[in-house]
Amino acid sequence: MRLRLTVRALKYKTQGFKALSARACSVGRTLGIRLAVIRCMGWSTMIVTALLLAALSVEAEVFPERMCENLPEVKPEVKAWVAEVAPELAQVSVRALPEKTALDIFDRAAAAGWGSVDVLTDSVFREPCTFYFSGEALRAVDAAFVLDLVTVIRGQDKKGQDFEMTALLAGRGKLVVLYDRDGVVYRNERLERDFKLASRVVFETPTAGVLKNVEGLCAKTLLKCVRIRSLVKVGETIMVQAGTFTSEKPLTPILARTGPDGAAGGRR
C-alpha cells in the first residue's frame, strides 16, 4: 500500500514525539532513574530518525529510479527538433517521458502533498539529460490532475480561442515550455490576473522550489505587460516577482480531478 503521509505531516508527528519524549525524559531525571533516561533518549532518537527516513522515502518514490538511464531515447526527428528549439538541451541524451510514467509521477506527487513547483523543480531535472513531455502526455496529465501553473497546459484566451502546450523539455536545470501559438493572453481566475504567454517560455531551476530568469511570460496591466522574473517557494507560499514588484500566493497541492470533464488550464 502506497505511503500517503506528506512530509509536512511527518514533521508534525516528529515534533510531537520529540515533545513527548522530552517530557518523559524530564520525569525520569526528576525521579533519578538514569538508565530509564538513557533508554528514553535512545529510543526517541531512533524513532525520530525512522520518521525522517520515511519522509525522505516518500519524496524519493515520486520519481522512478535512474530516469536518465531507464527511460527510452526519443526518435531522431524529435532530437533534431529539440536541437532547434532548445540547442543547449540537445547536447545531452533526450529521454521520452511516456504518458503512463508522467501520470504515475503526478499521482505519487499528489499523494505526497506536493505542488506543481515541487515536481518541476525537483533535482531529477538537473541531471545530465533532458526529458521530453509530449503534447499527448501533457494533455493526459491535465485531464487527470488540477495543476497550479501560470503556464497552463490548456485553456482559452481572452478572445475565447483554445490554446495548449505542445511540449515541455526539462533538464540541466532548465524548463522550456512550447505552445501552439505566440502572444496568448489568458485570464488566470485563481490569481485574478491576465497573463501573456510567448510560444516559448523558459525557466531556470537552479534548486528545489525556485523558477528564475523567466523568459516569455508577463503579467498584463493597463499600460504594459510586466515581465515575470521568478517564482520561488517559501514555506507554503509562492513568491512571484514581476518587474520590481513581489506578490505571494498560497501553495496549492496537486489534486486528482473528480469530475467527468477533463477541461483545465485557463478555464480554472
Protein backbone atom coordinates (compact mmCIF):
# COMPACT_ATOMS: atom_id res chain seq x y z
CA MET A 1 0.00 0.00 0.00
CA ARG A 2 1.43 3.39 -1.04
CA LEU A 3 2.51 5.69 1.76
CA ARG A 4 0.24 8.73 1.80
CA LEU A 5 1.83 10.67 4.66
CA THR A 6 3.06 14.02 3.49
CA VAL A 7 6.45 15.28 4.54
CA ARG A 8 4.67 18.06 6.40
CA ALA A 9 2.60 15.58 8.37
CA LEU A 10 5.69 13.57 9.26
CA LYS A 11 7.39 16.73 10.52
CA TYR A 12 4.42 17.44 12.77
CA LYS A 13 4.49 13.89 14.08
CA THR A 14 8.23 14.15 14.67
CA GLN A 15 7.85 17.42 16.58
CA GLY A 16 5.08 15.95 18.68
CA PHE A 17 7.11 12.85 19.50
CA LYS A 18 10.12 14.98 20.45
CA ALA A 19 7.97 16.97 22.87
CA LEU A 20 6.50 13.80 24.37
CA SER A 21 9.96 12.22 24.70
CA ALA A 22 11.32 15.36 26.36
CA ARG A 23 8.54 15.29 28.96
CA ALA A 24 9.11 11.59 29.62
CA CYS A 25 12.86 12.03 29.98
CA SER A 26 12.33 15.03 32.26
CA VAL A 27 10.20 12.87 34.54
CA GLY A 28 12.93 10.24 34.50
CA ARG A 29 15.54 12.77 35.57
CA THR A 30 13.30 14.05 38.34
CA LEU A 31 12.96 10.53 39.70
CA GLY A 32 16.67 9.94 39.38
CA ILE A 33 16.21 6.99 37.01
CA ARG A 34 19.32 7.46 34.88
CA LEU A 35 19.05 4.21 32.98
CA ALA A 36 15.47 4.97 32.01
CA VAL A 37 16.54 8.41 30.80
CA ILE A 38 19.30 6.92 28.65
CA ARG A 39 16.93 4.38 27.14
CA CYS A 40 14.29 7.07 26.62
CA MET A 41 16.74 9.27 24.74
CA GLY A 42 17.98 6.33 22.68
CA TRP A 43 14.52 5.19 21.63
CA SER A 44 13.34 8.72 20.85
CA THR A 45 16.37 9.32 18.62
CA MET A 46 15.82 6.06 16.79
CA ILE A 47 12.13 6.72 16.17
CA VAL A 48 12.68 10.34 15.10
CA THR A 49 15.37 9.13 12.68
CA ALA A 50 12.99 6.49 11.32
CA LEU A 51 10.28 9.10 10.75
CA LEU A 52 12.66 11.38 8.87
CA LEU A 53 13.89 8.49 6.74
CA ALA A 54 10.26 7.65 5.95
CA ALA A 55 9.74 11.26 4.84
CA LEU A 56 12.73 11.06 2.51
CA SER A 57 11.43 7.75 1.19
CA VAL A 58 8.09 9.34 0.29
CA GLU A 59 9.92 12.09 -1.63
CA ALA A 60 12.20 9.63 -3.41
CA GLU A 61 9.28 7.47 -4.51
CA VAL A 62 7.63 10.26 -6.52
CA PHE A 63 10.07 9.75 -9.42
CA PRO A 64 11.21 6.42 -10.84
CA GLU A 65 14.82 5.47 -10.21
CA ARG A 66 17.57 6.36 -12.69
CA MET A 67 15.28 8.02 -15.19
CA CYS A 68 18.19 9.24 -17.34
CA GLU A 69 19.22 5.64 -17.90
CA ASN A 70 15.93 3.77 -17.87
CA LEU A 71 13.61 5.93 -19.99
CA PRO A 72 13.75 5.44 -23.79
CA GLU A 73 15.66 7.77 -26.09
CA VAL A 74 13.47 9.96 -28.29
CA LYS A 75 13.29 9.34 -32.03
CA PRO A 76 15.96 11.06 -34.17
CA GLU A 77 13.43 13.53 -35.59
CA VAL A 78 12.43 14.60 -32.08
CA LYS A 79 16.09 15.04 -31.10
CA ALA A 80 16.58 17.21 -34.21
CA TRP A 81 13.55 19.31 -33.24
CA VAL A 82 14.90 19.74 -29.69
CA ALA A 83 18.17 20.98 -31.20
CA GLU A 84 16.20 23.70 -32.99
CA VAL A 85 14.02 24.93 -30.10
CA ALA A 86 16.47 24.41 -27.22
CA PRO A 87 20.02 23.70 -28.51
CA GLU A 88 21.50 23.58 -25.00
CA LEU A 89 19.16 20.72 -24.05
CA ALA A 90 20.05 18.68 -27.16
CA GLN A 91 23.72 18.48 -26.17
CA VAL A 92 22.88 15.54 -23.87
CA SER A 93 20.68 12.47 -24.29
CA VAL A 94 16.98 13.27 -24.64
CA ARG A 95 14.65 10.82 -22.93
CA ALA A 96 10.94 10.46 -23.69
CA LEU A 97 8.62 10.60 -20.68
CA PRO A 98 5.76 8.26 -21.64
CA GLU A 99 2.19 9.17 -20.79
CA LYS A 100 1.86 6.42 -18.18
CA THR A 101 5.12 7.41 -16.47
CA ALA A 102 4.03 11.06 -16.35
CA LEU A 103 0.65 10.10 -14.87
CA ASP A 104 2.31 7.89 -12.27
CA ILE A 105 4.69 10.69 -11.25
CA PHE A 106 1.90 13.21 -10.74
CA ASP A 107 -0.24 10.61 -8.97
CA ARG A 108 2.53 9.95 -6.45
CA ALA A 109 3.23 13.68 -6.13
CA ALA A 110 -0.45 14.31 -5.34
CA ALA A 111 -0.38 11.52 -2.75
CA ALA A 112 2.70 13.09 -1.13
CA GLY A 113 1.05 16.54 -0.97
CA TRP A 114 3.40 18.14 -3.49
CA GLY A 115 2.61 21.23 -5.52
CA SER A 116 3.41 21.69 -9.21
CA VAL A 117 6.51 23.73 -8.34
CA ASP A 118 7.83 20.84 -6.23
CA VAL A 119 7.61 18.49 -9.20
CA LEU A 120 9.05 20.80 -11.85
CA THR A 121 12.00 21.95 -9.71
CA ASP A 122 12.97 18.51 -8.40
CA SER A 123 16.64 17.54 -8.61
CA VAL A 124 15.83 14.89 -11.24
CA PHE A 125 15.50 17.74 -13.75
CA ARG A 126 19.04 18.90 -13.01
CA GLU A 127 20.58 15.59 -14.03
CA PRO A 128 22.75 15.39 -17.19
CA CYS A 129 19.95 14.52 -19.59
CA THR A 130 16.79 16.11 -20.99
CA PHE A 131 13.26 14.81 -20.51
CA TYR A 132 10.68 15.29 -23.24
CA PHE A 133 6.99 15.59 -22.30
CA SER A 134 4.93 15.19 -25.48
CA GLY A 135 1.68 17.04 -26.10
CA GLU A 136 -0.21 13.76 -25.57
CA ALA A 137 1.44 13.18 -22.17
CA LEU A 138 0.73 16.76 -21.11
CA ARG A 139 -2.94 16.54 -22.11
CA ALA A 140 -3.30 13.28 -20.17
CA VAL A 141 -1.79 14.86 -17.05
CA ASP A 142 -4.01 17.94 -17.42
CA ALA A 143 -7.12 15.78 -17.80
CA ALA A 144 -6.27 13.76 -14.68
CA PHE A 145 -4.97 16.43 -12.28
CA VAL A 146 -5.57 20.02 -11.24
CA LEU A 147 -2.22 21.78 -11.53
CA ASP A 148 -1.50 25.24 -10.17
CA LEU A 149 0.56 26.58 -13.08
CA VAL A 150 0.93 30.09 -14.51
CA THR A 151 1.99 28.40 -17.75
CA VAL A 152 -1.20 26.36 -18.02
CA ILE A 153 -1.35 23.25 -20.19
CA ARG A 154 -4.65 24.09 -21.86
CA GLY A 155 -7.10 26.95 -21.80
CA GLN A 156 -8.90 29.69 -23.68
CA ASP A 157 -7.51 33.13 -24.38
CA LYS A 158 -9.35 36.42 -23.83
CA LYS A 159 -10.91 36.08 -27.29
CA GLY A 160 -12.32 32.64 -26.49
CA GLN A 161 -9.84 30.75 -28.69
CA ASP A 162 -8.32 27.49 -27.45
CA PHE A 163 -4.60 27.18 -26.85
CA GLU A 164 -2.39 24.43 -25.47
CA MET A 165 1.11 23.42 -24.51
CA THR A 166 2.57 21.24 -27.26
CA ALA A 167 5.68 20.04 -25.43
CA LEU A 168 7.76 20.54 -22.32
CA LEU A 169 11.52 19.97 -22.09
CA ALA A 170 13.13 19.61 -18.68
CA GLY A 171 16.77 19.03 -17.88
CA ARG A 172 20.12 20.52 -16.88
CA GLY A 173 18.35 22.94 -14.53
CA LYS A 174 16.06 24.39 -17.19
CA LEU A 175 12.43 24.11 -18.29
CA VAL A 176 11.38 25.01 -21.83
CA VAL A 177 7.62 25.23 -22.43
CA LEU A 178 6.31 25.26 -26.01
CA TYR A 179 2.83 26.48 -27.05
CA ASP A 180 0.90 26.10 -30.26
CA ARG A 181 0.98 29.85 -30.93
CA ASP A 182 2.59 33.08 -29.77
CA GLY A 183 1.22 36.03 -27.80
CA VAL A 184 -1.55 34.20 -25.95
CA VAL A 185 -3.32 36.42 -23.41
CA TYR A 186 -5.47 34.50 -20.93
CA ARG A 187 -7.19 35.10 -17.61
CA ASN A 188 -5.95 33.13 -14.59
CA GLU A 189 -9.06 33.13 -12.42
CA ARG A 190 -7.29 31.92 -9.30
CA LEU A 191 -4.71 34.72 -9.44
CA GLU A 192 -7.29 37.20 -10.79
CA ARG A 193 -4.81 38.42 -13.36
CA ASP A 194 -4.23 38.31 -17.13
CA PHE A 195 -1.00 36.74 -18.38
CA LYS A 196 0.66 36.77 -21.77
CA LEU A 197 2.45 33.64 -23.00
CA ALA A 198 5.05 33.51 -25.75
CA SER A 199 5.23 30.41 -27.93
CA ARG A 200 8.41 29.56 -26.00
CA VAL A 201 8.61 30.13 -22.23
CA VAL A 202 11.85 29.37 -20.38
CA PHE A 203 12.62 28.92 -16.68
CA GLU A 204 15.88 28.15 -14.91
CA THR A 205 15.58 25.77 -11.94
CA PRO A 206 18.86 26.04 -10.02
CA THR A 207 17.46 24.46 -6.86
CA ALA A 208 14.29 22.98 -5.42
CA GLY A 209 11.39 25.42 -5.27
CA VAL A 210 12.99 28.07 -7.48
CA LEU A 211 11.99 29.14 -11.01
CA LYS A 212 14.07 32.13 -12.09
CA ASN A 213 15.36 34.07 -15.11
CA VAL A 214 11.96 33.61 -16.74
CA GLU A 215 11.59 34.40 -20.44
CA GLY A 216 8.39 34.66 -22.48
CA LEU A 217 5.91 35.26 -19.62
CA CYS A 218 4.45 38.54 -18.41
CA ALA A 219 1.53 39.88 -16.38
CA LYS A 220 -0.78 42.29 -18.17
CA THR A 221 -1.50 45.71 -16.67
CA LEU A 222 -3.44 48.67 -18.01
CA LEU A 223 -0.39 50.20 -19.69
CA LYS A 224 2.03 47.33 -20.35
CA CYS A 225 2.94 43.71 -19.79
CA VAL A 226 5.25 43.32 -16.78
CA ARG A 227 7.79 40.53 -17.12
CA ILE A 228 7.58 37.71 -14.60
CA ARG A 229 11.13 37.35 -13.28
CA SER A 230 10.86 34.49 -10.80
CA LEU A 231 8.58 32.19 -8.82
CA VAL A 232 10.02 30.96 -5.53
CA LYS A 233 8.53 28.61 -2.98
CA VAL A 234 8.93 29.93 0.58
CA GLY A 235 7.35 27.56 3.08
CA GLU A 236 3.74 27.12 1.99
CA THR A 237 3.79 30.25 -0.18
CA ILE A 238 4.85 31.02 -3.76
CA MET A 239 6.55 34.41 -4.12
CA VAL A 240 6.07 35.85 -7.61
CA GLN A 241 8.37 38.65 -8.73
CA ALA A 242 7.01 40.70 -11.62
CA GLY A 243 9.17 43.64 -12.60
CA THR A 244 10.08 45.42 -9.36
CA PHE A 245 7.02 44.11 -7.52
CA THR A 246 6.66 40.93 -5.49
CA SER A 247 3.37 39.23 -4.67
CA GLU A 248 2.59 36.00 -2.90
CA LYS A 249 0.05 33.25 -3.24
CA PRO A 250 -0.54 30.10 -1.17
CA LEU A 251 0.99 26.89 -2.45
CA THR A 252 -1.73 24.66 -3.88
CA PRO A 253 -1.11 20.89 -3.84
CA ILE A 254 -1.72 18.79 -6.93
CA LEU A 255 -5.22 17.31 -6.86
CA ALA A 256 -6.78 14.48 -8.83
CA ARG A 257 -9.77 15.55 -10.88
CA THR A 258 -13.04 14.01 -9.76
CA GLY A 259 -15.46 15.42 -12.34
CA PRO A 260 -16.17 13.92 -15.77
CA ASP A 261 -14.89 16.98 -17.60
CA GLY A 262 -11.19 16.99 -18.40
CA ALA A 263 -11.12 20.71 -19.24
CA ALA A 264 -8.35 22.60 -17.50
CA GLY A 265 -5.78 25.33 -17.77
CA GLY A 266 -7.14 28.84 -18.14
CA ARG A 267 -10.67 27.61 -17.52
CA ARG A 268 -10.00 27.23 -13.82
